[in-house]
Amino acid sequence: QVQLAESGGDSVYAGGSLKLSCVVSGLPFADYCLGWFRQVPGAERELGAIAGISDIGTIAYADSVKGRFTISKDNSRNTLFLQMNDLTPADSAMYYCAATPKVGFARLAWEYNSWGQGTQVTVSS
């Protein structure tokens, strides 16, 4: 059974930092492309990953988080991370990790077939 479990969400003030984690089980972690997505309450989940990392370590970021967020993974711990710095209220959302066996890099939500339950990030001004 595939499971993705996010943690690390919290309430912080603008300018603060958080590090999200996603522990993955039930799939060959090192062989999968992994991504972070977010959804603002009352809105649709963003179609594109805010950050993604392929099986071979190719990394890409959405323009909205580039330079502030860093995605990484630890294959020995089957864990995906998202370091978020210089947070703003616009970053407030539910954050989801996702996985896909797609070879290469996957950017769009429909390309991912396994999802976590999400962790809430709230940034106050």
PDB file of N, CA and C in Angstrom:
ATOM      1  N   GLN A   1       0.846  -1.187   0.000  1.00  0.00           N
ATOM      2  CA  GLN A   1       0.000   0.000   0.000  1.00  0.00           C
ATOM      3  C   GLN A   1       0.885   1.241   0.000  1.00  0.00           C
ATOM      4  N   VAL A   2       0.626   2.109  -0.970  1.00  0.00           N
ATOM      5  CA  VAL A   2       1.407   3.330  -1.080  1.00  0.00           C
ATOM      6  C   VAL A   2       0.893   4.360  -0.077  1.00  0.00           C
ATOM      7  N   GLN A   3       1.818   4.958   0.652  1.00  0.00           N
ATOM      8  CA  GLN A   3       1.456   6.003   1.597  1.00  0.00           C
ATOM      9  C   GLN A   3       2.452   7.139   1.516  1.00  0.00           C
ATOM     10  N   LEU A   4       1.921   8.345   1.534  1.00  0.00           N
ATOM     11  CA  LEU A   4       2.734   9.547   1.600  1.00  0.00           C
ATOM     12  C   LEU A   4       2.215  10.356   2.782  1.00  0.00           C
ATOM     13  N   ALA A   5       3.098  10.694   3.704  1.00  0.00           N
ATOM     14  CA  ALA A   5       2.679  11.368   4.929  1.00  0.00           C
ATOM     15  C   ALA A   5       3.481  12.642   5.112  1.00  0.00           C
ATOM     16  N   GLU A   6       2.800  13.777   4.935  1.00  0.00           N
ATOM     17  CA  GLU A   6       3.453  15.073   5.103  1.00  0.00           C
ATOM     18  C   GLU A   6       3.433  15.500   6.570  1.00  0.00           C
ATOM     19  N   SER A   7       4.406  16.298   6.928  1.00  0.00           N
ATOM     20  CA  SER A   7       4.452  16.905   8.251  1.00  0.00           C
ATOM     21  C   SER A   7       5.270  18.185   8.173  1.00  0.00           C
ATOM     22  N   GLY A   8       5.212  18.973   9.219  1.00  0.00           N
ATOM     23  CA  GLY A   8       6.021  20.180   9.287  1.00  0.00           C
ATOM     24  C   GLY A   8       5.259  21.473   9.085  1.00  0.00           C
ATOM     25  N   GLY A   9       3.992  21.374   8.688  1.00  0.00           N
ATOM     26  CA  GLY A   9       3.212  22.587   8.532  1.00  0.00           C
ATOM     27  C   GLY A   9       2.974  23.270   9.868  1.00  0.00           C
ATOM     28  N   ASP A  10       2.853  24.583   9.825  1.00  0.00           N
ATOM     29  CA  ASP A  10       2.689  25.342  11.074  1.00  0.00           C
ATOM     30  C   ASP A  10       2.211  26.747  10.718  1.00  0.00           C
ATOM     31  N   SER A  11       1.998  27.540  11.755  1.00  0.00           N
ATOM     32  CA  SER A  11       1.661  28.954  11.585  1.00  0.00           C
ATOM     33  C   SER A  11       2.887  29.784  11.928  1.00  0.00           C
ATOM     34  N   VAL A  12       3.289  30.637  11.003  1.00  0.00           N
ATOM     35  CA  VAL A  12       4.471  31.473  11.198  1.00  0.00           C
ATOM     36  C   VAL A  12       4.166  32.894  10.745  1.00  0.00           C
ATOM     37  N   TYR A  13       5.048  33.811  11.095  1.00  0.00           N
ATOM     38  CA  TYR A  13       4.924  35.177  10.617  1.00  0.00           C
ATOM     39  C   TYR A  13       5.697  35.351   9.315  1.00  0.00           C
ATOM     40  N   ALA A  14       5.304  36.358   8.584  1.00  0.00           N
ATOM     41  CA  ALA A  14       5.980  36.672   7.331  1.00  0.00           C
ATOM     42  C   ALA A  14       7.478  36.824   7.567  1.00  0.00           C
ATOM     43  N   GLY A  15       8.245  36.283   6.649  1.00  0.00           N
ATOM     44  CA  GLY A  15       9.694  36.295   6.787  1.00  0.00           C
ATOM     45  C   GLY A  15      10.250  35.061   7.472  1.00  0.00           C
ATOM     46  N   GLY A  16       9.364  34.266   8.028  1.00  0.00           N
ATOM     47  CA  GLY A  16       9.791  33.061   8.723  1.00  0.00           C
ATOM     48  C   GLY A  16      10.096  31.907   7.787  1.00  0.00           C
ATOM     49  N   SER A  17      10.481  30.797   8.392  1.00  0.00           N
ATOM     50  CA  SER A  17      10.855  29.604   7.628  1.00  0.00           C
ATOM     51  C   SER A  17      10.167  28.362   8.187  1.00  0.00           C
ATOM     52  N   LEU A  18       9.951  27.412   7.323  1.00  0.00           N
ATOM     53  CA  LEU A  18       9.448  26.100   7.715  1.00  0.00           C
ATOM     54  C   LEU A  18      10.117  25.048   6.840  1.00  0.00           C
ATOM     55  N   LYS A  19      10.206  23.836   7.382  1.00  0.00           N
ATOM     56  CA  LYS A  19      10.690  22.715   6.591  1.00  0.00           C
ATOM     57  C   LYS A  19       9.647  21.616   6.627  1.00  0.00           C
ATOM     58  N   LEU A  20       9.118  21.304   5.468  1.00  0.00           N
ATOM     59  CA  LEU A  20       8.138  20.233   5.337  1.00  0.00           C
ATOM     60  C   LEU A  20       8.839  18.920   5.029  1.00  0.00           C
ATOM     61  N   SER A  21       8.265  17.846   5.523  1.00  0.00           N
ATOM     62  CA  SER A  21       8.773  16.504   5.238  1.00  0.00           C
ATOM     63  C   SER A  21       7.646  15.645   4.683  1.00  0.00           C
ATOM     64  N   CYS A  22       8.005  14.666   3.892  1.00  0.00           N
ATOM     65  CA  CYS A  22       7.031  13.719   3.356  1.00  0.00           C
ATOM     66  C   CYS A  22       7.678  12.341   3.362  1.00  0.00           C
ATOM     67  N   VAL A  23       7.196  11.484   4.234  1.00  0.00           N
ATOM     68  CA  VAL A  23       7.704  10.119   4.305  1.00  0.00           C
ATOM     69  C   VAL A  23       6.881   9.249   3.375  1.00  0.00           C
ATOM     70  N   VAL A  24       7.566   8.527   2.525  1.00  0.00           N
ATOM     71  CA  VAL A  24       6.904   7.729   1.488  1.00  0.00           C
ATOM     72  C   VAL A  24       7.149   6.245   1.735  1.00  0.00           C
ATOM     73  N   SER A  25       6.125   5.441   1.579  1.00  0.00           N
ATOM     74  CA  SER A  25       6.279   3.996   1.703  1.00  0.00           C
ATOM     75  C   SER A  25       5.429   3.310   0.644  1.00  0.00           C
ATOM     76  N   GLY A  26       5.808   2.061   0.332  1.00  0.00           N
ATOM     77  CA  GLY A  26       5.017   1.272  -0.599  1.00  0.00           C
ATOM     78  C   GLY A  26       5.378   1.433  -2.056  1.00  0.00           C
ATOM     79  N   LEU A  27       6.418   2.175  -2.356  1.00  0.00           N
ATOM     80  CA  LEU A  27       6.868   2.315  -3.740  1.00  0.00           C
ATOM     81  C   LEU A  27       8.389   2.496  -3.744  1.00  0.00           C
ATOM     82  N   PRO A  28       9.012   2.236  -4.893  1.00  0.00           N
ATOM     83  CA  PRO A  28      10.479   2.396  -4.969  1.00  0.00           C
ATOM     84  C   PRO A  28      10.853   3.865  -5.005  1.00  0.00           C
ATOM     85  N   PHE A  29      11.037   4.435  -3.840  1.00  0.00           N
ATOM     86  CA  PHE A  29      11.212   5.871  -3.660  1.00  0.00           C
ATOM     87  C   PHE A  29      12.265   6.454  -4.604  1.00  0.00           C
ATOM     88  N   ALA A  30      13.411   5.811  -4.679  1.00  0.00           N
ATOM     89  CA  ALA A  30      14.528   6.361  -5.459  1.00  0.00           C
ATOM     90  C   ALA A  30      14.228   6.400  -6.949  1.00  0.00           C
ATOM     91  N   ASP A  31      13.249   5.628  -7.400  1.00  0.00           N
ATOM     92  CA  ASP A  31      12.945   5.536  -8.831  1.00  0.00           C
ATOM     93  C   ASP A  31      11.817   6.468  -9.257  1.00  0.00           C
ATOM     94  N   TYR A  32      11.246   7.192  -8.324  1.00  0.00           N
ATOM     95  CA  TYR A  32      10.074   8.013  -8.598  1.00  0.00           C
ATOM     96  C   TYR A  32      10.415   9.487  -8.698  1.00  0.00           C
ATOM     97  N   CYS A  33       9.640  10.193  -9.497  1.00  0.00           N
ATOM     98  CA  CYS A  33       9.650  11.648  -9.529  1.00  0.00           C
ATOM     99  C   CYS A  33       8.716  12.139  -8.427  1.00  0.00           C
ATOM    100  N   LEU A  34       9.152  13.139  -7.676  1.00  0.00           N
ATOM    101  CA  LEU A  34       8.408  13.614  -6.516  1.00  0.00           C
ATOM    102  C   LEU A  34       8.157  15.105  -6.622  1.00  0.00           C
ATOM    103  N   GLY A  35       7.040  15.539  -6.111  1.00  0.00           N
ATOM    104  CA  GLY A  35       6.731  16.955  -6.206  1.00  0.00           C
ATOM    105  C   GLY A  35       5.955  17.475  -5.009  1.00  0.00           C
ATOM    106  N   TRP A  36       5.991  18.771  -4.854  1.00  0.00           N
ATOM    107  CA  TRP A  36       5.190  19.472  -3.856  1.00  0.00           C
ATOM    108  C   TRP A  36       4.175  20.366  -4.579  1.00  0.00           C
ATOM    109  N   PHE A  37       2.944  20.274  -4.123  1.00  0.00           N
ATOM    110  CA  PHE A  37       1.874  21.097  -4.659  1.00  0.00           C
ATOM    111  C   PHE A  37       1.220  21.824  -3.491  1.00  0.00           C
ATOM    112  N   ARG A  38       0.427  22.851  -3.805  1.00  0.00           N
ATOM    113  CA  ARG A  38      -0.284  23.525  -2.733  1.00  0.00           C
ATOM    114  C   ARG A  38      -1.675  23.954  -3.193  1.00  0.00           C
ATOM    115  N   GLN A  39      -2.533  24.119  -2.201  1.00  0.00           N
ATOM    116  CA  GLN A  39      -3.921  24.496  -2.472  1.00  0.00           C
ATOM    117  C   GLN A  39      -4.383  25.479  -1.418  1.00  0.00           C
ATOM    118  N   VAL A  40      -4.848  26.616  -1.897  1.00  0.00           N
ATOM    119  CA  VAL A  40      -5.394  27.641  -1.017  1.00  0.00           C
ATOM    120  C   VAL A  40      -6.846  27.284  -0.709  1.00  0.00           C
ATOM    121  N   PRO A  41      -7.301  27.463   0.526  1.00  0.00           N
ATOM    122  CA  PRO A  41      -8.698  27.156   0.854  1.00  0.00           C
ATOM    123  C   PRO A  41      -9.657  27.872  -0.073  1.00  0.00           C
ATOM    124  N   GLY A  42     -10.634  27.136  -0.584  1.00  0.00           N
ATOM    125  CA  GLY A  42     -11.616  27.719  -1.465  1.00  0.00           C
ATOM    126  C   GLY A  42     -11.191  27.792  -2.905  1.00  0.00           C
ATOM    127  N   ALA A  43      -9.972  27.382  -3.208  1.00  0.00           N
ATOM    128  CA  ALA A  43      -9.481  27.418  -4.579  1.00  0.00           C
ATOM    129  C   ALA A  43      -9.079  26.017  -5.013  1.00  0.00           C
ATOM    130  N   GLU A  44      -8.927  25.853  -6.317  1.00  0.00           N
ATOM    131  CA  GLU A  44      -8.451  24.585  -6.846  1.00  0.00           C
ATOM    132  C   GLU A  44      -6.967  24.414  -6.533  1.00  0.00           C
ATOM    133  N   ARG A  45      -6.540  23.172  -6.406  1.00  0.00           N
ATOM    134  CA  ARG A  45      -5.116  22.920  -6.236  1.00  0.00           C
ATOM    135  C   ARG A  45      -4.376  23.424  -7.466  1.00  0.00           C
ATOM    136  N   GLU A  46      -3.239  24.044  -7.244  1.00  0.00           N
ATOM    137  CA  GLU A  46      -2.456  24.557  -8.353  1.00  0.00           C
ATOM    138  C   GLU A  46      -2.091  23.420  -9.303  1.00  0.00           C
ATOM    139  N   LEU A  47      -2.208  23.688 -10.583  1.00  0.00           N
ATOM    140  CA  LEU A  47      -1.982  22.650 -11.582  1.00  0.00           C
ATOM    141  C   LEU A  47      -0.526  22.210 -11.652  1.00  0.00           C
ATOM    142  N   GLY A  48       0.363  23.148 -11.392  1.00  0.00           N
ATOM    143  CA  GLY A  48       1.777  22.850 -11.498  1.00  0.00           C
ATOM    144  C   GLY A  48       2.429  22.684 -10.145  1.00  0.00           C
ATOM    145  N   ALA A  49       3.413  21.816 -10.099  1.00  0.00           N
ATOM    146  CA  ALA A  49       4.171  21.644  -8.860  1.00  0.00           C
ATOM    147  C   ALA A  49       4.901  22.938  -8.526  1.00  0.00           C
ATOM    148  N   ILE A  50       4.928  23.274  -7.246  1.00  0.00           N
ATOM    149  CA  ILE A  50       5.741  24.420  -6.852  1.00  0.00           C
ATOM    150  C   ILE A  50       7.211  24.034  -6.797  1.00  0.00           C
ATOM    151  N   ALA A  51       7.465  22.746  -6.632  1.00  0.00           N
ATOM    152  CA  ALA A  51       8.831  22.229  -6.644  1.00  0.00           C
ATOM    153  C   ALA A  51       8.766  20.753  -6.984  1.00  0.00           C
ATOM    154  N   GLY A  52       9.720  20.290  -7.760  1.00  0.00           N
ATOM    155  CA  GLY A  52       9.749  18.884  -8.133  1.00  0.00           C
ATOM    156  C   GLY A  52      11.173  18.392  -8.268  1.00  0.00           C
ATOM    157  N   ILE A  53      11.341  17.097  -8.047  1.00  0.00           N
ATOM    158  CA  ILE A  53      12.657  16.476  -8.177  1.00  0.00           C
ATOM    159  C   ILE A  53      12.482  15.121  -8.839  1.00  0.00           C
ATOM    160  N   SER A  54      13.243  14.885  -9.880  1.00  0.00           N
ATOM    161  CA  SER A  54      13.115  13.641 -10.624  1.00  0.00           C
ATOM    162  C   SER A  54      13.911  12.525  -9.943  1.00  0.00           C
ATOM    163  N   ASP A  55      13.802  11.324 -10.493  1.00  0.00           N
ATOM    164  CA  ASP A  55      14.526  10.186  -9.931  1.00  0.00           C
ATOM    165  C   ASP A  55      16.032  10.399  -9.973  1.00  0.00           C
ATOM    166  N   ILE A  56      16.512  11.137 -10.960  1.00  0.00           N
ATOM    167  CA  ILE A  56      17.954  11.353 -11.063  1.00  0.00           C
ATOM    168  C   ILE A  56      18.368  12.691 -10.476  1.00  0.00           C
ATOM    169  N   GLY A  57      17.442  13.372  -9.825  1.00  0.00           N
ATOM    170  CA  GLY A  57      17.802  14.590  -9.120  1.00  0.00           C
ATOM    171  C   GLY A  57      17.605  15.881  -9.882  1.00  0.00           C
ATOM    172  N   THR A  58      16.978  15.831 -11.047  1.00  0.00           N
ATOM    173  CA  THR A  58      16.636  17.067 -11.744  1.00  0.00           C
ATOM    174  C   THR A  58      15.606  17.829 -10.921  1.00  0.00           C
ATOM    175  N   ILE A  59      15.850  19.110 -10.722  1.00  0.00           N
ATOM    176  CA  ILE A  59      15.001  19.928  -9.857  1.00  0.00           C
ATOM    177  C   ILE A  59      14.450  21.115 -10.623  1.00  0.00           C
ATOM    178  N   ALA A  60      13.222  21.454 -10.341  1.00  0.00           N
ATOM    179  CA  ALA A  60      12.613  22.641 -10.932  1.00  0.00           C
ATOM    180  C   ALA A  60      11.667  23.274  -9.921  1.00  0.00           C
ATOM    181  N   TYR A  61      11.500  24.585 -10.046  1.00  0.00           N
ATOM    182  CA  TYR A  61      10.639  25.338  -9.146  1.00  0.00           C
ATOM    183  C   TYR A  61       9.685  26.220  -9.942  1.00  0.00           C
ATOM    184  N   ALA A  62       8.537  26.464  -9.351  1.00  0.00           N
ATOM    185  CA  ALA A  62       7.649  27.475  -9.900  1.00  0.00           C
ATOM    186  C   ALA A  62       8.266  28.844  -9.642  1.00  0.00           C
ATOM    187  N   ASP A  63       7.980  29.792 -10.507  1.00  0.00           N
ATOM    188  CA  ASP A  63       8.545  31.138 -10.356  1.00  0.00           C
ATOM    189  C   ASP A  63       8.171  31.761  -9.012  1.00  0.00           C
ATOM    190  N   SER A  64       7.005  31.395  -8.502  1.00  0.00           N
ATOM    191  CA  SER A  64       6.511  31.998  -7.265  1.00  0.00           C
ATOM    192  C   SER A  64       7.351  31.635  -6.047  1.00  0.00           C
ATOM    193  N   VAL A  65       8.114  30.551  -6.130  1.00  0.00           N
ATOM    194  CA  VAL A  65       8.888  30.123  -4.963  1.00  0.00           C
ATOM    195  C   VAL A  65      10.386  30.063  -5.237  1.00  0.00           C
ATOM    196  N   LYS A  66      10.769  30.287  -6.481  1.00  0.00           N
ATOM    197  CA  LYS A  66      12.179  30.182  -6.855  1.00  0.00           C
ATOM    198  C   LYS A  66      13.027  31.147  -6.028  1.00  0.00           C
ATOM    199  N   GLY A  67      14.114  30.630  -5.492  1.00  0.00           N
ATOM    200  CA  GLY A  67      14.994  31.451  -4.672  1.00  0.00           C
ATOM    201  C   GLY A  67      14.632  31.464  -3.207  1.00  0.00           C
ATOM    202  N   ARG A  68      13.440  30.975  -2.857  1.00  0.00           N
ATOM    203  CA  ARG A  68      13.009  30.947  -1.462  1.00  0.00           C
ATOM    204  C   ARG A  68      12.804  29.518  -0.949  1.00  0.00           C
ATOM    205  N   PHE A  69      12.382  28.630  -1.812  1.00  0.00           N
ATOM    206  CA  PHE A  69      12.108  27.240  -1.432  1.00  0.00           C
ATOM    207  C   PHE A  69      13.185  26.332  -2.003  1.00  0.00           C
ATOM    208  N   THR A  70      13.487  25.267  -1.266  1.00  0.00           N
ATOM    209  CA  THR A  70      14.458  24.276  -1.721  1.00  0.00           C
ATOM    210  C   THR A  70      13.888  22.881  -1.510  1.00  0.00           C
ATOM    211  N   ILE A  71      13.824  22.116  -2.583  1.00  0.00           N
ATOM    212  CA  ILE A  71      13.357  20.736  -2.506  1.00  0.00           C
ATOM    213  C   ILE A  71      14.568  19.810  -2.421  1.00  0.00           C
ATOM    214  N   SER A  72      14.435  18.767  -1.639  1.00  0.00           N
ATOM    215  CA  SER A  72      15.507  17.774  -1.534  1.00  0.00           C
ATOM    216  C   SER A  72      14.892  16.447  -1.132  1.00  0.00           C
ATOM    217  N   LYS A  73      15.683  15.398  -1.233  1.00  0.00           N
ATOM    218  CA  LYS A  73      15.193  14.090  -0.816  1.00  0.00           C
ATOM    219  C   LYS A  73      16.327  13.285  -0.222  1.00  0.00           C
ATOM    220  N   ASP A  74      15.958  12.359   0.625  1.00  0.00           N
ATOM    221  CA  ASP A  74      16.910  11.437   1.237  1.00  0.00           C
ATOM    222  C   ASP A  74      16.441  10.028   0.885  1.00  0.00           C
ATOM    223  N   ASN A  75      17.091   9.424  -0.085  1.00  0.00           N
ATOM    224  CA  ASN A  75      16.671   8.097  -0.540  1.00  0.00           C
ATOM    225  C   ASN A  75      16.823   7.040   0.558  1.00  0.00           C
ATOM    226  N   SER A  76      17.766   7.231   1.471  1.00  0.00           N
ATOM    227  CA  SER A  76      17.970   6.247   2.536  1.00  0.00           C
ATOM    228  C   SER A  76      16.834   6.268   3.561  1.00  0.00           C
ATOM    229  N   ARG A  77      16.107   7.387   3.602  1.00  0.00           N
ATOM    230  CA  ARG A  77      15.006   7.523   4.561  1.00  0.00           C
ATOM    231  C   ARG A  77      13.648   7.610   3.877  1.00  0.00           C
ATOM    232  N   ASN A  78      13.663   7.434   2.540  1.00  0.00           N
ATOM    233  CA  ASN A  78      12.407   7.536   1.780  1.00  0.00           C
ATOM    234  C   ASN A  78      11.640   8.815   2.137  1.00  0.00           C
ATOM    235  N   THR A  79      12.359   9.910   2.229  1.00  0.00           N
ATOM    236  CA  THR A  79      11.754  11.160   2.677  1.00  0.00           C
ATOM    237  C   THR A  79      12.063  12.292   1.710  1.00  0.00           C
ATOM    238  N   LEU A  80      11.030  13.043   1.417  1.00  0.00           N
ATOM    239  CA  LEU A  80      11.103  14.239   0.586  1.00  0.00           C
ATOM    240  C   LEU A  80      10.985  15.452   1.501  1.00  0.00           C
ATOM    241  N   PHE A  81      11.729  16.505   1.180  1.00  0.00           N
ATOM    242  CA  PHE A  81      11.724  17.713   1.999  1.00  0.00           C
ATOM    243  C   PHE A  81      11.396  18.943   1.159  1.00  0.00           C
ATOM    244  N   LEU A  82      10.905  19.964   1.849  1.00  0.00           N
ATOM    245  CA  LEU A  82      10.738  21.272   1.233  1.00  0.00           C
ATOM    246  C   LEU A  82      11.109  22.316   2.276  1.00  0.00           C
ATOM    247  N   GLN A  83      12.266  22.936   2.082  1.00  0.00           N
ATOM    248  CA  GLN A  83      12.692  24.030   2.949  1.00  0.00           C
ATOM    249  C   GLN A  83      12.103  25.314   2.389  1.00  0.00           C
ATOM    250  N   MET A  84      11.361  26.019   3.229  1.00  0.00           N
ATOM    251  CA  MET A  84      10.685  27.234   2.786  1.00  0.00           C
ATOM    252  C   MET A  84      11.188  28.408   3.609  1.00  0.00           C
ATOM    253  N   ASN A  85      11.792  29.357   2.940  1.00  0.00           N
ATOM    254  CA  ASN A  85      12.327  30.541   3.597  1.00  0.00           C
ATOM    255  C   ASN A  85      11.604  31.791   3.120  1.00  0.00           C
ATOM    256  N   ASP A  86      11.737  32.859   3.900  1.00  0.00           N
ATOM    257  CA  ASP A  86      11.162  34.146   3.524  1.00  0.00           C
ATOM    258  C   ASP A  86       9.682  34.004   3.142  1.00  0.00           C
ATOM    259  N   LEU A  87       8.955  33.335   4.007  1.00  0.00           N
ATOM    260  CA  LEU A  87       7.542  33.070   3.721  1.00  0.00           C
ATOM    261  C   LEU A  87       6.715  34.352   3.735  1.00  0.00           C
ATOM    262  N   THR A  88       5.707  34.378   2.898  1.00  0.00           N
ATOM    263  CA  THR A  88       4.776  35.501   2.826  1.00  0.00           C
ATOM    264  C   THR A  88       3.352  34.971   3.009  1.00  0.00           C
ATOM    265  N   PRO A  89       2.403  35.851   3.316  1.00  0.00           N
ATOM    266  CA  PRO A  89       1.015  35.384   3.445  1.00  0.00           C
ATOM    267  C   PRO A  89       0.501  34.663   2.204  1.00  0.00           C
ATOM    268  N   ALA A  90       1.043  35.010   1.036  1.00  0.00           N
ATOM    269  CA  ALA A  90       0.623  34.351  -0.202  1.00  0.00           C
ATOM    270  C   ALA A  90       1.022  32.883  -0.242  1.00  0.00           C
ATOM    271  N   ASP A  91       1.932  32.483   0.638  1.00  0.00           N
ATOM    272  CA  ASP A  91       2.343  31.076   0.695  1.00  0.00           C
ATOM    273  C   ASP A  91       1.411  30.238   1.566  1.00  0.00           C
ATOM    274  N   SER A  92       0.459  30.865   2.222  1.00  0.00           N
ATOM    275  CA  SER A  92      -0.475  30.130   3.067  1.00  0.00           C
ATOM    276  C   SER A  92      -1.314  29.185   2.220  1.00  0.00           C
ATOM    277  N   ALA A  93      -1.279  27.910   2.573  1.00  0.00           N
ATOM    278  CA  ALA A  93      -1.987  26.896   1.785  1.00  0.00           C
ATOM    279  C   ALA A  93      -1.819  25.544   2.446  1.00  0.00           C
ATOM    280  N   MET A  94      -2.575  24.584   1.938  1.00  0.00           N
ATOM    281  CA  MET A  94      -2.325  23.191   2.279  1.00  0.00           C
ATOM    282  C   MET A  94      -1.270  22.683   1.300  1.00  0.00           C
ATOM    283  N   TYR A  95      -0.229  22.085   1.815  1.00  0.00           N
ATOM    284  CA  TYR A  95       0.861  21.595   0.978  1.00  0.00           C
ATOM    285  C   TYR A  95       0.799  20.075   0.886  1.00  0.00           C
ATOM    286  N   TYR A  96       0.890  19.579  -0.333  1.00  0.00           N
ATOM    287  CA  TYR A  96       0.811  18.151  -0.610  1.00  0.00           C
ATOM    288  C   TYR A  96       2.080  17.669  -1.287  1.00  0.00           C
ATOM    289  N   CYS A  97       2.519  16.488  -0.908  1.00  0.00           N
ATOM    290  CA  CYS A  97       3.564  15.834  -1.671  1.00  0.00           C
ATOM    291  C   CYS A  97       2.910  14.781  -2.572  1.00  0.00           C
ATOM    292  N   ALA A  98       3.574  14.503  -3.675  1.00  0.00           N
ATOM    293  CA  ALA A  98       3.035  13.570  -4.653  1.00  0.00           C
ATOM    294  C   ALA A  98       4.164  12.817  -5.323  1.00  0.00           C
ATOM    295  N   ALA A  99       3.825  11.651  -5.856  1.00  0.00           N
ATOM    296  CA  ALA A  99       4.826  10.805  -6.496  1.00  0.00           C
ATOM    297  C   ALA A  99       4.284  10.241  -7.798  1.00  0.00           C
ATOM    298  N   THR A 100       5.207  10.052  -8.748  1.00  0.00           N
ATOM    299  CA  THR A 100       4.850   9.450 -10.024  1.00  0.00           C
ATOM    300  C   THR A 100       6.001   8.612 -10.535  1.00  0.00           C
ATOM    301  N   PRO A 101       5.694   7.482 -11.186  1.00  0.00           N
ATOM    302  CA  PRO A 101       6.764   6.678 -11.760  1.00  0.00           C
ATOM    303  C   PRO A 101       7.244   7.204 -13.106  1.00  0.00           C
ATOM    304  N   LYS A 102       6.722   8.324 -13.539  1.00  0.00           N
ATOM    305  CA  LYS A 102       7.090   8.872 -14.841  1.00  0.00           C
ATOM    306  C   LYS A 102       8.603   9.062 -14.934  1.00  0.00           C
ATOM    307  N   VAL A 103       9.159   8.592 -16.039  1.00  0.00           N
ATOM    308  CA  VAL A 103      10.595   8.767 -16.288  1.00  0.00           C
ATOM    309  C   VAL A 103      10.836  10.212 -16.673  1.00  0.00           C
ATOM    310  N   GLY A 104      11.849  10.791 -16.076  1.00  0.00           N
ATOM    311  CA  GLY A 104      12.107  12.195 -16.335  1.00  0.00           C
ATOM    312  C   GLY A 104      11.403  13.058 -15.325  1.00  0.00           C
ATOM    313  N   PHE A 105      11.077  14.256 -15.704  1.00  0.00           N
ATOM    314  CA  PHE A 105      10.506  15.219 -14.776  1.00  0.00           C
ATOM    315  C   PHE A 105       9.032  15.427 -15.068  1.00  0.00           C
ATOM    316  N   ALA A 106       8.213  15.433 -14.003  1.00  0.00           N
ATOM    317  CA  ALA A 106       6.782  15.673 -14.129  1.00  0.00           C
ATOM    318  C   ALA A 106       6.445  16.963 -13.418  1.00  0.00           C
ATOM    319  N   ARG A 107       5.767  17.855 -14.097  1.00  0.00           N
ATOM    320  CA  ARG A 107       5.464  19.164 -13.509  1.00  0.00           C
ATOM    321  C   ARG A 107       3.993  19.335 -13.147  1.00  0.00           C
ATOM    322  N   LEU A 108       3.113  18.636 -13.844  1.00  0.00           N
ATOM    323  CA  LEU A 108       1.693  18.886 -13.691  1.00  0.00           C
ATOM    324  C   LEU A 108       1.031  17.865 -12.773  1.00  0.00           C
ATOM    325  N   ALA A 109      -0.008  18.299 -12.070  1.00  0.00           N
ATOM    326  CA  ALA A 109      -0.675  17.455 -11.080  1.00  0.00           C
ATOM    327  C   ALA A 109      -1.213  16.166 -11.686  1.00  0.00           C
ATOM    328  N   TRP A 110      -1.718  16.239 -12.914  1.00  0.00           N
ATOM    329  CA  TRP A 110      -2.329  15.040 -13.505  1.00  0.00           C
ATOM    330  C   TRP A 110      -1.301  13.961 -13.804  1.00  0.00           C
ATOM    331  N   GLU A 111      -0.033  14.326 -13.795  1.00  0.00           N
ATOM    332  CA  GLU A 111       1.025  13.348 -14.057  1.00  0.00           C
ATOM    333  C   GLU A 111       1.357  12.521 -12.820  1.00  0.00           C
ATOM    334  N   TYR A 112       0.855  12.925 -11.665  1.00  0.00           N
ATOM    335  CA  TYR A 112       1.161  12.240 -10.414  1.00  0.00           C
ATOM    336  C   TYR A 112       0.006  11.333 -10.017  1.00  0.00           C
ATOM    337  N   ASN A 113       0.327  10.132  -9.516  1.00  0.00           N
ATOM    338  CA  ASN A 113      -0.735   9.190  -9.187  1.00  0.00           C
ATOM    339  C   ASN A 113      -0.791   8.799  -7.720  1.00  0.00           C
ATOM    340  N   SER A 114       0.103   9.326  -6.908  1.00  0.00           N
ATOM    341  CA  SER A 114       0.059   9.039  -5.472  1.00  0.00           C
ATOM    342  C   SER A 114       0.195  10.362  -4.727  1.00  0.00           C
ATOM    343  N   TRP A 115      -0.676  10.548  -3.738  1.00  0.00           N
ATOM    344  CA  TRP A 115      -0.730  11.830  -3.036  1.00  0.00           C
ATOM    345  C   TRP A 115      -0.825  11.632  -1.529  1.00  0.00           C
ATOM    346  N   GLY A 116      -0.263  12.574  -0.800  1.00  0.00           N
ATOM    347  CA  GLY A 116      -0.442  12.600   0.643  1.00  0.00           C
ATOM    348  C   GLY A 116      -1.700  13.354   1.020  1.00  0.00           C
ATOM    349  N   GLN A 117      -1.946  13.453   2.329  1.00  0.00           N
ATOM    350  CA  GLN A 117      -3.135  14.112   2.843  1.00  0.00           C
ATOM    351  C   GLN A 117      -2.941  15.608   3.050  1.00  0.00           C
ATOM    352  N   GLY A 118      -1.708  16.055   3.025  1.00  0.00           N
ATOM    353  CA  GLY A 118      -1.439  17.475   3.132  1.00  0.00           C
ATOM    354  C   GLY A 118      -1.046  17.927   4.527  1.00  0.00           C
ATOM    355  N   THR A 119      -0.360  19.046   4.569  1.00  0.00           N
ATOM    356  CA  THR A 119       0.011  19.695   5.833  1.00  0.00           C
ATOM    357  C   THR A 119      -0.203  21.196   5.653  1.00  0.00           C
ATOM    358  N   GLN A 120      -0.802  21.826   6.644  1.00  0.00           N
ATOM    359  CA  GLN A 120      -1.228  23.218   6.511  1.00  0.00           C
ATOM    360  C   GLN A 120      -0.105  24.181   6.882  1.00  0.00           C
ATOM    361  N   VAL A 121       0.087  25.156   6.030  1.00  0.00           N
ATOM    362  CA  VAL A 121       1.028  26.247   6.286  1.00  0.00           C
ATOM    363  C   VAL A 121       0.235  27.543   6.313  1.00  0.00           C
ATOM    364  N   THR A 122       0.378  28.286   7.386  1.00  0.00           N
ATOM    365  CA  THR A 122      -0.297  29.572   7.522  1.00  0.00           C
ATOM    366  C   THR A 122       0.739  30.640   7.846  1.00  0.00           C
ATOM    367  N   VAL A 123       0.761  31.685   7.031  1.00  0.00           N
ATOM    368  CA  VAL A 123       1.724  32.766   7.208  1.00  0.00           C
ATOM    369  C   VAL A 123       0.956  34.051   7.487  1.00  0.00           C
ATOM    370  N   SER A 124       1.244  34.659   8.619  1.00  0.00           N
ATOM    371  CA  SER A 124       0.575  35.893   9.011  1.00  0.00           C
ATOM    372  C   SER A 124       1.487  37.090   8.786  1.00  0.00           C
ATOM    373  N   SER A 125       0.875  38.202   8.451  1.00  0.00           N
ATOM    374  CA  SER A 125       1.678  39.420   8.222  1.00  0.00           C
ATOM    375  C   SER A 125       1.930  40.142   9.526  1.00  0.00           C
TER     376      SER A 125
END
